[in-house]
Amino acid sequence: MFKTVVDIANENYCSGCGVCAGMCPFNALSIEFNQYGEYIPVLNDALCTDCGVCLKVCPFSNNSKNENELGDSLFSKIGNIKHDQF
């Protein structure tokens, strides 16, 4: 189980989208380049309260909705939109 999105990044699941940093209510996260030029979240431990907001918005967290759930909630009532599970 991941404690923060930094754990997700450390396991190479992060895409560097920055949603976690944008949603962090305590500004404990920033998005910076790593040694490979990829965006990753960087945590300021002094500001983090373990509130879990970052995990709720991260698309790679087990605490957030997956893309199928999001697509269904956003588009299922719109006619002529087709879904392919693959």
C-alpha atoms as a PDB file:
ATOM      1  CA  MET A   1       0.000   0.000   0.000  1.00  0.00           C
ATOM      2  CA  PHE A   2       1.325   3.417  -0.943  1.00  0.00           C
ATOM      3  CA  LYS A   3       1.570   6.159   1.693  1.00  0.00           C
ATOM      4  CA  THR A   4       2.067   9.056  -0.749  1.00  0.00           C
ATOM      5  CA  VAL A   5       2.449   9.596  -4.480  1.00  0.00           C
ATOM      6  CA  VAL A   6       6.209   9.667  -3.988  1.00  0.00           C
ATOM      7  CA  ASP A   7       5.967   5.949  -3.250  1.00  0.00           C
ATOM      8  CA  ILE A   8       4.111   5.525  -6.546  1.00  0.00           C
ATOM      9  CA  ALA A   9       6.859   7.443  -8.365  1.00  0.00           C
ATOM     10  CA  ASN A  10       9.555   5.372  -6.668  1.00  0.00           C
ATOM     11  CA  GLU A  11       7.917   2.241  -8.083  1.00  0.00           C
ATOM     12  CA  ASN A  12       7.941   3.824 -11.592  1.00  0.00           C
ATOM     13  CA  TYR A  13       4.161   4.096 -11.927  1.00  0.00           C
ATOM     14  CA  CYS A  14       4.035   7.923 -12.007  1.00  0.00           C
ATOM     15  CA  SER A  15       3.436   9.660 -15.332  1.00  0.00           C
ATOM     16  CA  GLY A  16       4.340  13.107 -13.985  1.00  0.00           C
ATOM     17  CA  CYS A  17       0.894  14.589 -14.652  1.00  0.00           C
ATOM     18  CA  GLY A  18       1.129  16.915 -11.622  1.00  0.00           C
ATOM     19  CA  VAL A  19      -2.451  16.540 -10.418  1.00  0.00           C
ATOM     20  CA  CYS A  20      -1.233  15.512  -6.959  1.00  0.00           C
ATOM     21  CA  ALA A  21       0.827  18.678  -6.529  1.00  0.00           C
ATOM     22  CA  GLY A  22      -1.987  20.849  -7.834  1.00  0.00           C
ATOM     23  CA  MET A  23      -4.482  19.333  -5.414  1.00  0.00           C
ATOM     24  CA  CYS A  24      -2.320  19.132  -2.282  1.00  0.00           C
ATOM     25  CA  PRO A  25      -4.022  21.433   0.254  1.00  0.00           C
ATOM     26  CA  PHE A  26      -0.757  21.994   2.144  1.00  0.00           C
ATOM     27  CA  ASN A  27       1.554  22.590  -0.855  1.00  0.00           C
ATOM     28  CA  ALA A  28       3.658  19.673   0.326  1.00  0.00           C
ATOM     29  CA  LEU A  29       4.207  18.389  -3.214  1.00  0.00           C
ATOM     30  CA  SER A  30       5.979  19.892  -6.168  1.00  0.00           C
ATOM     31  CA  ILE A  31       6.697  18.447  -9.604  1.00  0.00           C
ATOM     32  CA  GLU A  32      10.335  18.479 -10.615  1.00  0.00           C
ATOM     33  CA  PHE A  33      12.587  16.863 -13.181  1.00  0.00           C
ATOM     34  CA  ASN A  34      14.423  13.721 -12.116  1.00  0.00           C
ATOM     35  CA  GLN A  35      17.869  12.686 -13.367  1.00  0.00           C
ATOM     36  CA  TYR A  36      16.301  11.386 -16.604  1.00  0.00           C
ATOM     37  CA  GLY A  37      14.374  14.563 -17.406  1.00  0.00           C
ATOM     38  CA  GLU A  38      11.039  13.080 -16.314  1.00  0.00           C
ATOM     39  CA  TYR A  39       8.552  14.893 -14.100  1.00  0.00           C
ATOM     40  CA  ILE A  40       8.149  13.337 -10.645  1.00  0.00           C
ATOM     41  CA  PRO A  41       6.473  14.439  -7.418  1.00  0.00           C
ATOM     42  CA  VAL A  42       8.787  15.701  -4.687  1.00  0.00           C
ATOM     43  CA  LEU A  43       7.482  15.715  -1.128  1.00  0.00           C
ATOM     44  CA  ASN A  44       8.264  18.311   1.532  1.00  0.00           C
ATOM     45  CA  ASP A  45       7.928  16.131   4.643  1.00  0.00           C
ATOM     46  CA  ALA A  46       7.641  19.166   6.898  1.00  0.00           C
ATOM     47  CA  LEU A  47       4.418  20.240   5.140  1.00  0.00           C
ATOM     48  CA  CYS A  48       2.837  16.812   4.594  1.00  0.00           C
ATOM     49  CA  THR A  49       0.037  15.875   6.986  1.00  0.00           C
ATOM     50  CA  ASP A  50      -0.709  12.444   5.448  1.00  0.00           C
ATOM     51  CA  CYS A  51      -4.189  13.708   4.512  1.00  0.00           C
ATOM     52  CA  GLY A  52      -4.304  11.361   1.499  1.00  0.00           C
ATOM     53  CA  VAL A  53      -5.578  13.868  -1.076  1.00  0.00           C
ATOM     54  CA  CYS A  54      -2.640  13.072  -3.373  1.00  0.00           C
ATOM     55  CA  LEU A  55      -3.577   9.400  -3.385  1.00  0.00           C
ATOM     56  CA  LYS A  56      -7.232  10.161  -4.068  1.00  0.00           C
ATOM     57  CA  VAL A  57      -6.392  12.037  -7.274  1.00  0.00           C
ATOM     58  CA  CYS A  58      -3.453   9.967  -8.542  1.00  0.00           C
ATOM     59  CA  PRO A  59      -4.513   7.767 -11.483  1.00  0.00           C
ATOM     60  CA  PHE A  60      -2.047   5.078 -10.352  1.00  0.00           C
ATOM     61  CA  SER A  61      -3.201   4.858  -6.751  1.00  0.00           C
ATOM     62  CA  ASN A  62      -5.412   2.100  -5.437  1.00  0.00           C
ATOM     63  CA  ASN A  63      -7.397   4.859  -3.682  1.00  0.00           C
ATOM     64  CA  SER A  64      -8.576   6.550  -6.881  1.00  0.00           C
ATOM     65  CA  LYS A  65     -11.050   5.539  -9.544  1.00  0.00           C
ATOM     66  CA  ASN A  66      -9.589   3.780 -12.539  1.00  0.00           C
ATOM     67  CA  GLU A  67     -10.038   5.003 -16.113  1.00  0.00           C
ATOM     68  CA  ASN A  68     -12.997   2.699 -16.749  1.00  0.00           C
ATOM     69  CA  GLU A  69     -14.880   4.059 -13.735  1.00  0.00           C
ATOM     70  CA  LEU A  70     -14.060   7.639 -14.691  1.00  0.00           C
ATOM     71  CA  GLY A  71     -15.077   7.117 -18.309  1.00  0.00           C
ATOM     72  CA  ASP A  72     -18.337   5.513 -17.282  1.00  0.00           C
ATOM     73  CA  SER A  73     -19.238   8.332 -14.898  1.00  0.00           C
ATOM     74  CA  LEU A  74     -18.320  11.024 -17.427  1.00  0.00           C
ATOM     75  CA  PHE A  75     -19.579   9.602 -20.701  1.00  0.00           C
ATOM     76  CA  SER A  76     -22.054   6.745 -20.160  1.00  0.00           C
ATOM     77  CA  LYS A  77     -25.108   8.972 -20.579  1.00  0.00           C
ATOM     78  CA  ILE A  78     -23.895  10.572 -23.820  1.00  0.00           C
ATOM     79  CA  GLY A  79     -25.311   8.946 -26.941  1.00  0.00           C
ATOM     80  CA  ASN A  80     -23.110   7.395 -29.626  1.00  0.00           C
ATOM     81  CA  ILE A  81     -20.086   7.075 -27.363  1.00  0.00           C
ATOM     82  CA  LYS A  82     -18.643   3.590 -27.473  1.00  0.00           C
ATOM     83  CA  HIS A  83     -16.415   1.987 -24.911  1.00  0.00           C
ATOM     84  CA  ASP A  84     -13.673  -0.519 -25.617  1.00  0.00           C
ATOM     85  CA  GLN A  85     -12.328  -2.173 -22.477  1.00  0.00           C
ATOM     86  CA  PHE A  86      -8.962  -2.599 -24.171  1.00  0.00           C
END
